[in-house]
Protein backbone atom coordinates (compact mmCIF):
# COMPACT_ATOMS: atom_id res chain seq x y z
CA UNK A 1 92.11 120.26 109.15
CA UNK A 2 91.62 116.48 108.12
CA UNK A 3 92.66 115.15 104.93
CA UNK A 4 90.39 113.88 102.22
CA UNK A 5 90.75 111.20 99.75
CA UNK A 6 89.75 112.30 96.14
CA UNK A 7 87.93 110.27 93.37
CA UNK A 8 91.47 109.88 91.62
CA UNK A 9 91.91 107.11 94.43
CA UNK A 10 93.14 103.81 93.05
CA UNK A 11 92.20 101.74 96.08
CA UNK A 12 95.57 100.20 96.73
CA UNK A 13 95.40 100.57 100.32
CA UNK A 14 98.90 102.11 100.80
CA UNK A 15 97.36 105.03 102.63
CA UNK A 16 95.47 102.80 105.15
CA UNK A 17 98.79 101.01 106.00
CA UNK A 18 100.55 104.32 106.87
CA UNK A 19 97.93 105.98 108.96
CA UNK A 20 99.07 105.96 112.70
CA UNK A 21 95.48 106.43 114.14
CA UNK A 22 93.48 103.90 111.73
CA UNK A 23 91.44 106.68 110.36
CA UNK A 24 91.41 105.14 106.82
CA UNK A 25 89.09 102.50 105.81
CA UNK A 26 87.94 101.00 102.46
CA UNK A 27 84.70 102.65 101.32
CA UNK A 28 82.49 102.30 98.19
CA UNK A 29 84.92 102.34 95.41
CA UNK A 30 87.75 104.22 97.31
CA UNK A 31 89.27 104.46 100.65
CA UNK A 32 88.04 107.03 103.05
CA UNK A 33 89.35 109.04 105.88
CA UNK A 34 87.31 109.59 109.08
CA UNK A 35 87.67 113.52 109.87
CA UNK A 36 86.88 112.67 113.54
CA UNK A 37 89.76 110.51 113.78
CA UNK A 38 92.37 112.09 111.37
CA UNK A 39 95.19 114.02 113.20
CA UNK A 40 96.12 115.70 109.99
CA UNK A 41 99.90 114.22 109.98
CA UNK A 42 99.90 113.72 106.20
CA UNK A 43 101.60 110.22 106.56
CA UNK A 44 98.86 108.88 104.17
CA UNK A 45 99.35 111.62 101.57
CA UNK A 46 103.17 110.99 101.45
CA UNK A 47 102.25 107.30 100.45
CA UNK A 48 99.62 107.83 97.99
CA UNK A 49 101.09 106.72 94.41
CA UNK A 50 98.37 108.76 92.63
CA UNK A 51 98.26 111.82 94.70
CA UNK A 52 94.52 111.36 95.61
CA UNK A 53 94.97 112.65 99.18
CA UNK A 54 94.65 116.38 99.95
CA UNK A 55 94.06 118.69 102.85
CA UNK A 56 90.40 119.01 103.36
């Protein structure tokens, strides 16, 4: 299942830099994960300094 970014996102971009399939892009007020591209590897969640990324 794809990961999701919650409203706790600080918009730092650390997650996007770690995504091996470029599934993360800056959205309106926070970063967003494209569920059709996400491979559920968890690399983004490991890098999030505020713990805003969860398994969807």
